[in-house]
Amino acid sequence: MVVRSGMVGLGLRRPADWLSRGRATIAVIATMVLTGCVPTQVAAPATPSRFDFAGQVTRVVDGDTFWVTSQSTRIRVWGLDAPEIGNAGGSTATAQLAGLVSGRSVQCRMRDVDRYGRIVGQCWLPDGRDIAATMIASGTAREYCRFSGNYYGTC
């Protein structure tokens, strides 16, 4: 048995075979990268949305409740406790929520249905702001700790 180049175990007879295969591999990879055909760019399977519904806010009821076009009921903002209209701070909270959401699109995740038949939803504005967190930060409402489990960290 005669071993010429020490590469018999690799199935290659000459060093030139190894070099030409290496060049071919590099050419294939370069072509894939330049044409966008790389495995990391394979489309991911569709994932379910983190939102249950979306719509435009048509009316603000009070500091933690509003109507959305896509729903036939009021939306109670999850994790938010605002003063009622007629109580101290109620009008301020209502005005704050109205300024934040009136006429704007919102996306919500349904958390519950309350005893009044309202959808209790955690809702976000198009820019990603959580409505409850924004209201809490404004000081016009507080976290509803009984239901939020300190989600917003203010309990």
Protein backbone atom coordinates (compact mmCIF):
# COMPACT_ATOMS: atom_id res chain seq x y z
CA MET A 1 0.00 0.00 0.00
CA VAL A 2 1.35 3.36 -1.02
CA VAL A 3 0.21 6.56 0.69
CA ARG A 4 1.02 9.57 -1.42
CA SER A 5 -0.28 12.56 0.46
CA GLY A 6 -1.51 11.31 3.81
CA MET A 7 -5.16 12.05 2.86
CA VAL A 8 -6.28 8.61 1.77
CA GLY A 9 -8.57 8.29 4.80
CA LEU A 10 -10.45 11.39 3.65
CA GLY A 11 -11.11 9.94 0.22
CA LEU A 12 -8.89 12.53 -1.44
CA ARG A 13 -5.95 11.63 -3.58
CA ARG A 14 -4.10 14.93 -3.88
CA PRO A 15 -3.87 18.16 -1.91
CA ALA A 16 -5.31 19.96 -4.96
CA ASP A 17 -8.60 18.01 -4.55
CA TRP A 18 -8.98 19.38 -1.01
CA LEU A 19 -8.30 22.93 -2.14
CA SER A 20 -10.77 22.80 -5.02
CA ARG A 21 -13.50 21.40 -2.74
CA GLY A 22 -12.79 24.16 -0.21
CA ARG A 23 -13.10 26.81 -2.90
CA ALA A 24 -16.35 25.30 -4.12
CA THR A 25 -17.76 25.32 -0.57
CA ILE A 26 -16.78 28.96 -0.10
CA ALA A 27 -18.37 29.85 -3.44
CA VAL A 28 -21.65 28.13 -2.47
CA ILE A 29 -21.75 29.86 0.94
CA ALA A 30 -20.95 33.25 -0.62
CA THR A 31 -23.75 32.77 -3.17
CA MET A 32 -26.21 31.86 -0.40
CA VAL A 33 -25.29 34.92 1.65
CA LEU A 34 -25.47 37.29 -1.33
CA THR A 35 -28.86 35.97 -2.44
CA GLY A 36 -30.32 35.84 1.06
CA CYS A 37 -30.62 32.07 1.12
CA VAL A 38 -29.06 31.38 4.47
CA PRO A 39 -30.62 29.03 7.01
CA THR A 40 -30.93 31.80 9.62
CA GLN A 41 -33.31 33.64 7.32
CA VAL A 42 -35.79 30.80 6.95
CA ALA A 43 -39.23 32.09 7.87
CA ALA A 44 -40.25 31.20 11.39
CA PRO A 45 -43.54 29.37 11.85
CA ALA A 46 -46.48 31.63 12.59
CA THR A 47 -46.96 32.32 16.29
CA PRO A 48 -50.20 33.35 17.89
CA SER A 49 -50.60 37.03 18.67
CA ARG A 50 -50.19 38.09 22.26
CA PHE A 51 -53.36 40.19 21.85
CA ASP A 52 -56.92 38.91 21.96
CA PHE A 53 -58.48 41.94 20.29
CA ALA A 54 -57.70 45.39 18.95
CA GLY A 55 -59.76 48.39 18.00
CA GLN A 56 -60.19 52.11 18.20
CA VAL A 57 -61.31 53.75 21.44
CA THR A 58 -64.65 55.44 20.78
CA ARG A 59 -65.57 56.62 24.28
CA VAL A 60 -63.98 56.94 27.70
CA VAL A 61 -66.43 56.12 30.50
CA ASP A 62 -64.22 56.96 33.48
CA GLY A 63 -60.59 56.72 34.58
CA ASP A 64 -60.31 52.97 34.00
CA THR A 65 -63.03 52.06 31.48
CA PHE A 66 -63.54 52.73 27.76
CA TRP A 67 -65.31 51.42 24.66
CA VAL A 68 -63.47 49.88 21.69
CA THR A 69 -64.93 49.57 18.17
CA SER A 70 -64.21 45.84 17.86
CA GLN A 71 -66.07 44.91 21.07
CA SER A 72 -69.73 45.16 21.98
CA THR A 73 -68.97 45.88 25.61
CA ARG A 74 -66.88 48.20 27.75
CA ILE A 75 -63.24 47.46 28.48
CA ARG A 76 -62.15 47.73 32.11
CA VAL A 77 -58.38 48.31 32.21
CA TRP A 78 -56.76 45.41 34.07
CA GLY A 79 -54.56 46.29 37.02
CA LEU A 80 -55.82 49.87 37.23
CA ASP A 81 -57.91 51.47 39.97
CA ALA A 82 -59.01 55.03 39.23
CA PRO A 83 -61.27 57.18 41.41
CA GLU A 84 -64.92 57.11 40.37
CA ILE A 85 -66.50 60.13 38.70
CA GLY A 86 -67.97 62.28 41.46
CA ASN A 87 -65.19 61.33 43.89
CA ALA A 88 -62.03 63.35 44.45
CA GLY A 89 -59.70 62.83 41.49
CA GLY A 90 -62.34 61.09 39.35
CA SER A 91 -62.62 63.83 36.75
CA THR A 92 -58.84 64.18 36.58
CA ALA A 93 -58.36 60.43 36.03
CA THR A 94 -61.08 60.39 33.37
CA ALA A 95 -59.49 63.35 31.56
CA GLN A 96 -56.06 61.69 31.75
CA LEU A 97 -57.35 58.43 30.25
CA ALA A 98 -59.29 60.33 27.58
CA GLY A 99 -56.18 62.25 26.59
CA LEU A 100 -54.24 59.02 26.40
CA VAL A 101 -56.64 56.79 24.42
CA SER A 102 -59.55 58.73 22.84
CA GLY A 103 -59.73 58.05 19.12
CA ARG A 104 -56.58 55.93 19.22
CA SER A 105 -56.04 52.29 18.44
CA VAL A 106 -55.40 49.91 21.31
CA GLN A 107 -54.46 46.25 21.51
CA CYS A 108 -55.65 44.22 24.46
CA ARG A 109 -55.22 40.86 26.10
CA MET A 110 -58.38 39.69 27.82
CA ARG A 111 -57.71 38.88 31.47
CA ASP A 112 -61.23 38.39 32.82
CA VAL A 113 -64.88 39.44 32.65
CA ASP A 114 -66.04 41.39 35.70
CA ARG A 115 -69.36 41.21 37.54
CA TYR A 116 -70.76 44.00 35.34
CA GLY A 117 -70.04 42.04 32.16
CA ARG A 118 -67.12 44.23 31.14
CA ILE A 119 -64.05 42.70 29.53
CA VAL A 120 -61.11 43.20 31.86
CA GLY A 121 -58.18 43.71 29.52
CA GLN A 122 -54.53 44.58 29.73
CA CYS A 123 -54.19 47.12 26.92
CA TRP A 124 -51.38 48.82 25.02
CA LEU A 125 -51.10 51.84 22.76
CA PRO A 126 -49.56 51.48 19.27
CA ASP A 127 -46.22 52.75 20.60
CA GLY A 128 -46.10 49.84 23.08
CA ARG A 129 -47.02 51.75 26.23
CA ASP A 130 -49.11 49.79 28.71
CA ILE A 131 -52.17 51.94 29.45
CA ALA A 132 -52.38 50.99 33.14
CA ALA A 133 -48.66 51.60 33.69
CA THR A 134 -48.95 55.00 32.03
CA MET A 135 -51.94 55.98 34.16
CA ILE A 136 -50.22 54.79 37.35
CA ALA A 137 -47.07 56.74 36.45
CA SER A 138 -49.15 59.88 35.88
CA GLY A 139 -50.42 59.69 39.47
CA THR A 140 -54.08 59.91 38.45
CA ALA A 141 -54.79 56.25 39.24
CA ARG A 142 -53.18 53.48 41.23
CA GLU A 143 -52.43 49.82 40.76
CA TYR A 144 -55.37 47.56 41.61
CA CYS A 145 -53.27 45.32 43.83
CA ARG A 146 -56.12 42.95 44.68
CA PHE A 147 -56.16 41.73 41.08
CA SER A 148 -52.76 42.66 39.63
CA GLY A 149 -50.55 40.72 42.03
CA ASN A 150 -48.10 43.65 42.12
CA TYR A 151 -47.56 43.37 38.36
CA TYR A 152 -46.67 47.07 38.14
CA GLY A 153 -44.59 46.98 41.31
CA THR A 154 -46.48 49.62 43.29
CA CYS A 155 -48.40 47.49 45.81
